[in-house]
Amino acid sequence: MKHYVEIFGKGKETIIFLPGTGWTGNFGMPIASALDEKFTMHMIDLPGIGRSEGLDGVVKMVDAANWLNDYLEEKEIHKINIIGHSLGGGIGLSFAYYYPEKVNKLILLDIGFAKIERFPVQMFGSVGYFLPLISVLHRIFGQKFLGNETKESQNIESKEITDEEMKARIKSLGLKDSEFMRNAIANQPASSLKGLSLLLALYRFNMPRILNKLKVPCLVLYGNRKESNVKVQNKIKRQVSRIKHSNISMKELNGGHYAHVSDVRAFDFINSFLN
């Protein structure tokens, strides 16, 4: 289906939650549970990364914004709040930029304040060394450059993971062991080739430039990487300091890319901003 969505909450206001790469929409459930009295949250799988259909061709972030707008048009939803993590935040930022009249408030979770590095090894693994070349060839030759899609790459099935593997995976994310995280990891979706095209669109997207032009109120929650070395921490501080827009509120959390999960203050920041 074009948009795979899980809906939770009984509030009158609508929140769209968009997860990061490798997660289904219901990764937003802890936030949805904390806000369910006033808000109804639509948790959407990303196109080509989860159970939502991928976007065709060489994708641009405006295409992802249009994809989200199609869902709102279908459901006759006229005004939304958006919460997005990582790639999902990039889509949310793009939507708020191209459709500001439809956005009440935007919350970005550890995304938006920095461009993706030229060689994003931390995000993509060793493939990150070749991403500049892959990006150029993809734009020249189109989606066919990435190869042919297989049904296996689109399947989402619960994976068999040993207890030791599960503990190691959760630890690598800088998070505490919990039933929620175990279920989320066990049901992580594979990325299709169309999902990879969307990731390449984010790679080319100048998020800080768009963020500094934003017309809607925005809260950015970012991890301070306190467990990393001083060089990494100072880099984050420099990136954050470059966001000057008066519409943007920056809040530091203890942790890394998933600090909104590990630092309980995130719920207070989100609730206060939305209300």
C-alpha atoms as a PDB file:
ATOM      1  CA  MET A   1       0.000   0.000   0.000  1.00  0.00           C
ATOM      2  CA  LYS A   2       1.100   3.563  -0.641  1.00  0.00           C
ATOM      3  CA  HIS A   3       1.061   4.531   3.051  1.00  0.00           C
ATOM      4  CA  TYR A   4       1.197   1.940   5.836  1.00  0.00           C
ATOM      5  CA  VAL A   5      -0.056   3.700   8.958  1.00  0.00           C
ATOM      6  CA  GLU A   6      -0.779   2.841  12.576  1.00  0.00           C
ATOM      7  CA  ILE A   7      -2.953   5.324  14.467  1.00  0.00           C
ATOM      8  CA  PHE A   8      -2.938   5.824  18.234  1.00  0.00           C
ATOM      9  CA  GLY A   9      -4.515   8.351  20.588  1.00  0.00           C
ATOM     10  CA  LYS A  10      -7.827  10.086  21.082  1.00  0.00           C
ATOM     11  CA  GLY A  11      -6.925  13.766  20.884  1.00  0.00           C
ATOM     12  CA  LYS A  12      -8.354  16.252  18.409  1.00  0.00           C
ATOM     13  CA  GLU A  13      -4.995  17.447  17.056  1.00  0.00           C
ATOM     14  CA  THR A  14      -3.056  15.323  14.580  1.00  0.00           C
ATOM     15  CA  ILE A  15       0.599  14.376  14.820  1.00  0.00           C
ATOM     16  CA  ILE A  16       2.421  12.647  11.984  1.00  0.00           C
ATOM     17  CA  PHE A  17       5.339  10.521  13.205  1.00  0.00           C
ATOM     18  CA  LEU A  18       8.022   9.535  10.707  1.00  0.00           C
ATOM     19  CA  PRO A  19      10.741   7.110  11.887  1.00  0.00           C
ATOM     20  CA  GLY A  20      14.379   6.838  10.947  1.00  0.00           C
ATOM     21  CA  THR A  21      15.895   4.349   8.533  1.00  0.00           C
ATOM     22  CA  GLY A  22      15.507   0.757   9.636  1.00  0.00           C
ATOM     23  CA  TRP A  23      12.424   1.265  11.807  1.00  0.00           C
ATOM     24  CA  THR A  24       8.694   0.950  11.264  1.00  0.00           C
ATOM     25  CA  GLY A  25       6.336   3.801  12.033  1.00  0.00           C
ATOM     26  CA  ASN A  26       5.381   2.392  15.424  1.00  0.00           C
ATOM     27  CA  PHE A  27       8.849   3.288  16.701  1.00  0.00           C
ATOM     28  CA  GLY A  28       6.956   6.427  17.713  1.00  0.00           C
ATOM     29  CA  MET A  29       4.677   4.539  20.116  1.00  0.00           C
ATOM     30  CA  PRO A  30       6.347   5.780  23.364  1.00  0.00           C
ATOM     31  CA  ILE A  31       5.765   9.374  22.235  1.00  0.00           C
ATOM     32  CA  ALA A  32       2.229   8.585  21.073  1.00  0.00           C
ATOM     33  CA  SER A  33       1.424   7.049  24.476  1.00  0.00           C
ATOM     34  CA  ALA A  34       2.717  10.131  26.285  1.00  0.00           C
ATOM     35  CA  LEU A  35       0.580  12.484  24.165  1.00  0.00           C
ATOM     36  CA  ASP A  36      -2.564  10.412  23.568  1.00  0.00           C
ATOM     37  CA  GLU A  37      -4.950  12.589  25.632  1.00  0.00           C
ATOM     38  CA  LYS A  38      -4.655  15.644  23.384  1.00  0.00           C
ATOM     39  CA  PHE A  39      -3.240  14.221  20.163  1.00  0.00           C
ATOM     40  CA  THR A  40      -3.904  11.430  17.704  1.00  0.00           C
ATOM     41  CA  MET A  41      -0.667  10.166  16.182  1.00  0.00           C
ATOM     42  CA  HIS A  42      -0.412   8.703  12.693  1.00  0.00           C
ATOM     43  CA  MET A  43       2.774   6.602  12.633  1.00  0.00           C
ATOM     44  CA  ILE A  44       3.761   6.036   9.008  1.00  0.00           C
ATOM     45  CA  ASP A  45       6.287   3.577   7.596  1.00  0.00           C
ATOM     46  CA  LEU A  46       8.686   5.383   5.266  1.00  0.00           C
ATOM     47  CA  PRO A  47       8.351   4.765   1.515  1.00  0.00           C
ATOM     48  CA  GLY A  48      10.519   1.854   0.457  1.00  0.00           C
ATOM     49  CA  ILE A  49      11.690   1.278   4.048  1.00  0.00           C
ATOM     50  CA  GLY A  50       8.898  -0.626   5.700  1.00  0.00           C
ATOM     51  CA  ARG A  51       5.429  -1.449   4.481  1.00  0.00           C
ATOM     52  CA  SER A  52       4.763   1.748   2.512  1.00  0.00           C
ATOM     53  CA  GLU A  53       5.356   1.590  -1.238  1.00  0.00           C
ATOM     54  CA  GLY A  54       8.593   3.138  -2.438  1.00  0.00           C
ATOM     55  CA  LEU A  55       8.817   6.235  -4.626  1.00  0.00           C
ATOM     56  CA  ASP A  56       9.693   5.823  -8.297  1.00  0.00           C
ATOM     57  CA  GLY A  57      12.674   7.240 -10.140  1.00  0.00           C
ATOM     58  CA  VAL A  58      15.521   9.378  -8.839  1.00  0.00           C
ATOM     59  CA  VAL A  59      13.874  10.690  -5.707  1.00  0.00           C
ATOM     60  CA  LYS A  60      14.200  14.245  -4.420  1.00  0.00           C
ATOM     61  CA  MET A  61      13.093  15.371  -0.974  1.00  0.00           C
ATOM     62  CA  VAL A  62      10.243  17.345  -2.527  1.00  0.00           C
ATOM     63  CA  ASP A  63       8.920  13.991  -3.775  1.00  0.00           C
ATOM     64  CA  ALA A  64       8.899  12.719  -0.189  1.00  0.00           C
ATOM     65  CA  ALA A  65       7.037  15.878   0.859  1.00  0.00           C
ATOM     66  CA  ASN A  66       4.479  15.249  -1.876  1.00  0.00           C
ATOM     67  CA  TRP A  67       4.158  11.627  -0.730  1.00  0.00           C
ATOM     68  CA  LEU A  68       3.178  12.815   2.749  1.00  0.00           C
ATOM     69  CA  ASN A  69       0.822  15.416   1.298  1.00  0.00           C
ATOM     70  CA  ASP A  70      -0.941  12.678  -0.680  1.00  0.00           C
ATOM     71  CA  TYR A  71      -1.725  10.932   2.606  1.00  0.00           C
ATOM     72  CA  LEU A  72      -3.129  14.110   4.157  1.00  0.00           C
ATOM     73  CA  GLU A  73      -5.254  14.766   1.079  1.00  0.00           C
ATOM     74  CA  GLU A  74      -6.577  11.200   1.138  1.00  0.00           C
ATOM     75  CA  LYS A  75      -7.531  11.455   4.829  1.00  0.00           C
ATOM     76  CA  GLU A  76      -8.748  15.072   4.501  1.00  0.00           C
ATOM     77  CA  ILE A  77      -6.355  16.244   7.211  1.00  0.00           C
ATOM     78  CA  HIS A  78      -5.715  19.969   6.847  1.00  0.00           C
ATOM     79  CA  LYS A  79      -3.295  20.858   9.647  1.00  0.00           C
ATOM     80  CA  ILE A  80      -0.681  18.718  11.373  1.00  0.00           C
ATOM     81  CA  ASN A  81       2.183  18.610  13.791  1.00  0.00           C
ATOM     82  CA  ILE A  82       5.150  16.539  12.636  1.00  0.00           C
ATOM     83  CA  ILE A  83       7.670  14.557  14.673  1.00  0.00           C
ATOM     84  CA  GLY A  84      10.462  12.976  12.666  1.00  0.00           C
ATOM     85  CA  HIS A  85      13.632  11.108  13.552  1.00  0.00           C
ATOM     86  CA  SER A  86      16.648  10.890  11.241  1.00  0.00           C
ATOM     87  CA  LEU A  87      15.430  10.230   7.670  1.00  0.00           C
ATOM     88  CA  GLY A  88      11.847  10.711   8.851  1.00  0.00           C
ATOM     89  CA  GLY A  89      12.850  14.111  10.204  1.00  0.00           C
ATOM     90  CA  GLY A  90      14.346  14.984   6.829  1.00  0.00           C
ATOM     91  CA  ILE A  91      10.995  14.221   5.198  1.00  0.00           C
ATOM     92  CA  GLY A  92       9.209  16.246   7.877  1.00  0.00           C
ATOM     93  CA  LEU A  93      11.561  19.191   7.284  1.00  0.00           C
ATOM     94  CA  SER A  94      10.978  19.009   3.551  1.00  0.00           C
ATOM     95  CA  PHE A  95       7.210  18.913   4.036  1.00  0.00           C
ATOM     96  CA  ALA A  96       7.277  21.908   6.413  1.00  0.00           C
ATOM     97  CA  TYR A  97       9.339  23.833   3.854  1.00  0.00           C
ATOM     98  CA  TYR A  98       7.139  23.059   0.834  1.00  0.00           C
ATOM     99  CA  TYR A  99       3.776  23.003   2.643  1.00  0.00           C
ATOM    100  CA  PRO A 100       4.146  25.481   5.560  1.00  0.00           C
ATOM    101  CA  GLU A 101       0.442  26.304   5.530  1.00  0.00           C
ATOM    102  CA  LYS A 102      -0.330  22.713   6.561  1.00  0.00           C
ATOM    103  CA  VAL A 103       2.108  22.526   9.482  1.00  0.00           C
ATOM    104  CA  ASN A 104       1.383  23.774  12.967  1.00  0.00           C
ATOM    105  CA  LYS A 105       4.689  22.723  14.550  1.00  0.00           C
ATOM    106  CA  LEU A 106       7.666  20.575  13.567  1.00  0.00           C
ATOM    107  CA  ILE A 107       9.858  18.494  15.884  1.00  0.00           C
ATOM    108  CA  LEU A 108      13.131  17.090  14.569  1.00  0.00           C
ATOM    109  CA  LEU A 109      14.860  14.312  16.480  1.00  0.00           C
ATOM    110  CA  ASP A 110      18.639  14.474  16.005  1.00  0.00           C
ATOM    111  CA  ILE A 111      18.405  15.685  12.415  1.00  0.00           C
ATOM    112  CA  GLY A 112      18.342  18.939  10.473  1.00  0.00           C
ATOM    113  CA  PHE A 113      21.109  20.927  12.159  1.00  0.00           C
ATOM    114  CA  ALA A 114      23.910  19.385  10.072  1.00  0.00           C
ATOM    115  CA  LYS A 115      24.461  18.234   6.512  1.00  0.00           C
ATOM    116  CA  ILE A 116      25.198  14.570   6.052  1.00  0.00           C
ATOM    117  CA  GLU A 117      28.949  14.156   5.792  1.00  0.00           C
ATOM    118  CA  ARG A 118      30.507  13.683   2.365  1.00  0.00           C
ATOM    119  CA  PHE A 119      31.714  10.232   3.399  1.00  0.00           C
ATOM    120  CA  PRO A 120      29.011   9.153   5.901  1.00  0.00           C
ATOM    121  CA  VAL A 121      30.657   5.971   7.140  1.00  0.00           C
ATOM    122  CA  GLN A 122      28.910   6.078  10.535  1.00  0.00           C
ATOM    123  CA  MET A 123      25.496   6.196   8.861  1.00  0.00           C
ATOM    124  CA  PHE A 124      26.088   3.836   5.923  1.00  0.00           C
ATOM    125  CA  GLY A 125      29.043   1.718   7.012  1.00  0.00           C
ATOM    126  CA  SER A 126      31.850   1.123   4.507  1.00  0.00           C
ATOM    127  CA  VAL A 127      29.456   2.024   1.664  1.00  0.00           C
ATOM    128  CA  GLY A 128      29.784   5.606   2.910  1.00  0.00           C
ATOM    129  CA  TYR A 129      33.240   5.841   1.336  1.00  0.00           C
ATOM    130  CA  PHE A 130      31.689   5.323  -2.095  1.00  0.00           C
ATOM    131  CA  LEU A 131      28.498   7.342  -1.601  1.00  0.00           C
ATOM    132  CA  PRO A 132      29.633  10.471  -3.491  1.00  0.00           C
ATOM    133  CA  LEU A 133      30.287   8.343  -6.566  1.00  0.00           C
ATOM    134  CA  ILE A 134      27.091   6.309  -6.097  1.00  0.00           C
ATOM    135  CA  SER A 135      25.086   9.529  -5.804  1.00  0.00           C
ATOM    136  CA  VAL A 136      26.502  10.970  -9.034  1.00  0.00           C
ATOM    137  CA  LEU A 137      25.985   7.762 -11.022  1.00  0.00           C
ATOM    138  CA  HIS A 138      22.466   7.400  -9.641  1.00  0.00           C
ATOM    139  CA  ARG A 139      21.553  10.888 -10.842  1.00  0.00           C
ATOM    140  CA  ILE A 140      23.041  10.198 -14.296  1.00  0.00           C
ATOM    141  CA  PHE A 141      21.725   6.682 -14.946  1.00  0.00           C
ATOM    142  CA  GLY A 142      18.606   6.717 -12.780  1.00  0.00           C
ATOM    143  CA  GLN A 143      17.131   4.036 -10.589  1.00  0.00           C
ATOM    144  CA  LYS A 144      18.329   1.253 -12.905  1.00  0.00           C
ATOM    145  CA  PHE A 145      21.880   1.949 -11.679  1.00  0.00           C
ATOM    146  CA  LEU A 146      20.933   0.464  -8.282  1.00  0.00           C
ATOM    147  CA  GLY A 147      19.785  -2.819  -9.847  1.00  0.00           C
ATOM    148  CA  ASN A 148      16.543  -4.758  -9.889  1.00  0.00           C
ATOM    149  CA  GLU A 149      14.193  -4.968  -6.931  1.00  0.00           C
ATOM    150  CA  THR A 150      13.520  -8.392  -5.428  1.00  0.00           C
ATOM    151  CA  LYS A 151      10.571  -9.497  -3.347  1.00  0.00           C
ATOM    152  CA  GLU A 152      12.953 -10.516  -0.581  1.00  0.00           C
ATOM    153  CA  SER A 153      14.190  -6.965  -0.173  1.00  0.00           C
ATOM    154  CA  GLN A 154      10.620  -5.788   0.404  1.00  0.00           C
ATOM    155  CA  ASN A 155       9.678  -8.379   3.026  1.00  0.00           C
ATOM    156  CA  ILE A 156       9.256  -7.439   6.667  1.00  0.00           C
ATOM    157  CA  GLU A 157       9.322 -10.429   8.925  1.00  0.00           C
ATOM    158  CA  SER A 158      10.196 -10.908  12.563  1.00  0.00           C
ATOM    159  CA  LYS A 159      13.835 -11.980  12.732  1.00  0.00           C
ATOM    160  CA  GLU A 160      15.244 -14.676  14.952  1.00  0.00           C
ATOM    161  CA  ILE A 161      17.842 -12.989  17.142  1.00  0.00           C
ATOM    162  CA  THR A 162      19.666 -14.605  20.032  1.00  0.00           C
ATOM    163  CA  ASP A 163      19.492 -12.961  23.435  1.00  0.00           C
ATOM    164  CA  GLU A 164      23.173 -12.060  23.278  1.00  0.00           C
ATOM    165  CA  GLU A 165      22.755 -10.508  19.836  1.00  0.00           C
ATOM    166  CA  MET A 166      19.756  -8.540  21.066  1.00  0.00           C
ATOM    167  CA  LYS A 167      21.615  -7.180  24.089  1.00  0.00           C
ATOM    168  CA  ALA A 168      24.584  -6.220  21.910  1.00  0.00           C
ATOM    169  CA  ARG A 169      22.346  -4.460  19.387  1.00  0.00           C
ATOM    170  CA  ILE A 170      20.534  -2.434  22.055  1.00  0.00           C
ATOM    171  CA  LYS A 171      23.849  -1.508  23.686  1.00  0.00           C
ATOM    172  CA  SER A 172      25.257  -0.361  20.335  1.00  0.00           C
ATOM    173  CA  LEU A 173      22.344   2.073  20.037  1.00  0.00           C
ATOM    174  CA  GLY A 174      23.133   3.517  23.466  1.00  0.00           C
ATOM    175  CA  LEU A 175      19.770   2.409  24.854  1.00  0.00           C
ATOM    176  CA  LYS A 176      18.469   0.407  27.794  1.00  0.00           C
ATOM    177  CA  ASP A 177      17.089  -3.082  27.344  1.00  0.00           C
ATOM    178  CA  SER A 178      13.272  -3.062  27.220  1.00  0.00           C
ATOM    179  CA  GLU A 179      10.424  -5.033  25.711  1.00  0.00           C
ATOM    180  CA  PHE A 180       9.696  -2.119  23.370  1.00  0.00           C
ATOM    181  CA  MET A 181      13.245  -2.043  21.980  1.00  0.00           C
ATOM    182  CA  ARG A 182      13.369  -5.835  21.638  1.00  0.00           C
ATOM    183  CA  ASN A 183      10.143  -5.824  19.608  1.00  0.00           C
ATOM    184  CA  ALA A 184      11.310  -2.893  17.491  1.00  0.00           C
ATOM    185  CA  ILE A 185      14.611  -4.565  16.649  1.00  0.00           C
ATOM    186  CA  ALA A 186      13.023  -7.947  15.977  1.00  0.00           C
ATOM    187  CA  ASN A 187      10.710  -6.301  13.437  1.00  0.00           C
ATOM    188  CA  GLN A 188      13.167  -3.970  11.750  1.00  0.00           C
ATOM    189  CA  PRO A 189      12.339  -3.663   8.039  1.00  0.00           C
ATOM    190  CA  ALA A 190      14.811  -4.106   5.227  1.00  0.00           C
ATOM    191  CA  SER A 191      15.374  -1.195   2.878  1.00  0.00           C
ATOM    192  CA  SER A 192      14.348  -1.737  -0.730  1.00  0.00           C
ATOM    193  CA  LEU A 193      16.221  -0.165  -3.636  1.00  0.00           C
ATOM    194  CA  LYS A 194      13.543   2.533  -3.730  1.00  0.00           C
ATOM    195  CA  GLY A 195      14.300   3.123  -0.067  1.00  0.00           C
ATOM    196  CA  LEU A 196      17.966   3.535  -0.978  1.00  0.00           C
ATOM    197  CA  SER A 197      16.945   6.143  -3.550  1.00  0.00           C
ATOM    198  CA  LEU A 198      15.212   8.052  -0.758  1.00  0.00           C
ATOM    199  CA  LEU A 199      18.348   7.850   1.387  1.00  0.00           C
ATOM    200  CA  LEU A 200      20.365   9.269  -1.495  1.00  0.00           C
ATOM    201  CA  ALA A 201      17.886  12.149  -1.704  1.00  0.00           C
ATOM    202  CA  LEU A 202      18.538  12.920   1.957  1.00  0.00           C
ATOM    203  CA  TYR A 203      22.278  12.724   1.313  1.00  0.00           C
ATOM    204  CA  ARG A 204      21.923  15.503  -1.279  1.00  0.00           C
ATOM    205  CA  PHE A 205      19.563  17.609   0.870  1.00  0.00           C
ATOM    206  CA  ASN A 206      21.059  20.707   2.518  1.00  0.00           C
ATOM    207  CA  MET A 207      19.085  20.491   5.749  1.00  0.00           C
ATOM    208  CA  PRO A 208      20.677  23.415   7.675  1.00  0.00           C
ATOM    209  CA  ARG A 209      19.947  25.780   4.770  1.00  0.00           C
ATOM    210  CA  ILE A 210      16.294  24.687   4.678  1.00  0.00           C
ATOM    211  CA  LEU A 211      16.016  24.796   8.476  1.00  0.00           C
ATOM    212  CA  ASN A 212      17.228  28.394   8.552  1.00  0.00           C
ATOM    213  CA  LYS A 213      14.542  29.341   6.007  1.00  0.00           C
ATOM    214  CA  LEU A 214      11.692  27.572   7.790  1.00  0.00           C
ATOM    215  CA  LYS A 215       8.446  29.506   8.308  1.00  0.00           C
ATOM    216  CA  VAL A 216       6.932  27.242  10.976  1.00  0.00           C
ATOM    217  CA  PRO A 217       7.931  26.855  14.657  1.00  0.00           C
ATOM    218  CA  CYS A 218      10.423  24.032  15.048  1.00  0.00           C
ATOM    219  CA  LEU A 219      11.974  22.185  17.980  1.00  0.00           C
ATOM    220  CA  VAL A 220      15.236  20.329  17.389  1.00  0.00           C
ATOM    221  CA  LEU A 221      16.235  17.746  19.998  1.00  0.00           C
ATOM    222  CA  TYR A 222      19.823  16.619  19.526  1.00  0.00           C
ATOM    223  CA  GLY A 223      22.090  14.167  21.307  1.00  0.00           C
ATOM    224  CA  ASN A 224      25.213  15.678  22.849  1.00  0.00           C
ATOM    225  CA  ARG A 225      27.251  12.480  22.299  1.00  0.00           C
ATOM    226  CA  LYS A 226      28.515  12.661  25.872  1.00  0.00           C
ATOM    227  CA  GLU A 227      29.895   9.119  25.577  1.00  0.00           C
ATOM    228  CA  SER A 228      31.970  10.097  22.534  1.00  0.00           C
ATOM    229  CA  ASN A 229      35.319  11.855  22.475  1.00  0.00           C
ATOM    230  CA  VAL A 230      35.650  15.617  22.904  1.00  0.00           C
ATOM    231  CA  LYS A 231      36.244  16.137  19.186  1.00  0.00           C
ATOM    232  CA  VAL A 232      32.851  14.665  18.330  1.00  0.00           C
ATOM    233  CA  GLN A 233      31.113  16.656  21.075  1.00  0.00           C
ATOM    234  CA  ASN A 234      32.676  19.920  19.887  1.00  0.00           C
ATOM    235  CA  LYS A 235      31.644  19.166  16.317  1.00  0.00           C
ATOM    236  CA  ILE A 236      28.022  18.826  17.423  1.00  0.00           C
ATOM    237  CA  LYS A 237      28.263  22.136  19.301  1.00  0.00           C
ATOM    238  CA  ARG A 238      29.613  23.921  16.209  1.00  0.00           C
ATOM    239  CA  GLN A 239      26.871  22.502  14.006  1.00  0.00           C
ATOM    240  CA  VAL A 240      24.156  23.523  16.450  1.00  0.00           C
ATOM    241  CA  SER A 241      25.596  27.044  16.832  1.00  0.00           C
ATOM    242  CA  ARG A 242      25.106  27.700  13.109  1.00  0.00           C
ATOM    243  CA  ILE A 243      21.306  27.471  13.406  1.00  0.00           C
ATOM    244  CA  LYS A 244      20.285  31.100  13.949  1.00  0.00           C
ATOM    245  CA  HIS A 245      16.610  31.212  12.940  1.00  0.00           C
ATOM    246  CA  SER A 246      14.304  32.719  15.586  1.00  0.00           C
ATOM    247  CA  ASN A 247      11.642  30.078  14.808  1.00  0.00           C
ATOM    248  CA  ILE A 248      13.986  27.272  15.836  1.00  0.00           C
ATOM    249  CA  SER A 249      14.345  26.062  19.429  1.00  0.00           C
ATOM    250  CA  MET A 250      17.359  23.832  20.087  1.00  0.00           C
ATOM    251  CA  LYS A 251      17.362  21.463  23.076  1.00  0.00           C
ATOM    252  CA  GLU A 252      20.290  19.279  24.104  1.00  0.00           C
ATOM    253  CA  LEU A 253      19.713  15.719  25.273  1.00  0.00           C
ATOM    254  CA  ASN A 254      22.122  13.303  26.902  1.00  0.00           C
ATOM    255  CA  GLY A 255      22.944  10.557  24.450  1.00  0.00           C
ATOM    256  CA  GLY A 256      23.529   9.912  20.781  1.00  0.00           C
ATOM    257  CA  HIS A 257      21.335   9.526  17.711  1.00  0.00           C
ATOM    258  CA  TYR A 258      18.585   7.930  19.837  1.00  0.00           C
ATOM    259  CA  ALA A 259      18.755  10.407  22.707  1.00  0.00           C
ATOM    260  CA  HIS A 260      15.003  11.033  22.406  1.00  0.00           C
ATOM    261  CA  VAL A 261      14.549   7.438  23.598  1.00  0.00           C
ATOM    262  CA  SER A 262      17.270   7.338  26.249  1.00  0.00           C
ATOM    263  CA  ASP A 263      16.756  10.770  27.849  1.00  0.00           C
ATOM    264  CA  VAL A 264      13.349  11.037  29.552  1.00  0.00           C
ATOM    265  CA  ARG A 265      13.486  14.834  29.325  1.00  0.00           C
ATOM    266  CA  ALA A 266      12.636  14.481  25.634  1.00  0.00           C
ATOM    267  CA  PHE A 267       8.980  13.844  26.496  1.00  0.00           C
ATOM    268  CA  ASP A 268       8.830  17.021  28.582  1.00  0.00           C
ATOM    269  CA  PHE A 269      10.429  19.091  25.821  1.00  0.00           C
ATOM    270  CA  ILE A 270       8.044  17.684  23.228  1.00  0.00           C
ATOM    271  CA  ASN A 271       4.948  18.117  25.387  1.00  0.00           C
ATOM    272  CA  SER A 272       5.880  21.671  26.376  1.00  0.00           C
ATOM    273  CA  PHE A 273       6.578  22.685  22.780  1.00  0.00           C
ATOM    274  CA  LEU A 274       3.343  21.257  21.403  1.00  0.00           C
ATOM    275  CA  ASN A 275       1.236  22.761  24.159  1.00  0.00           C
END
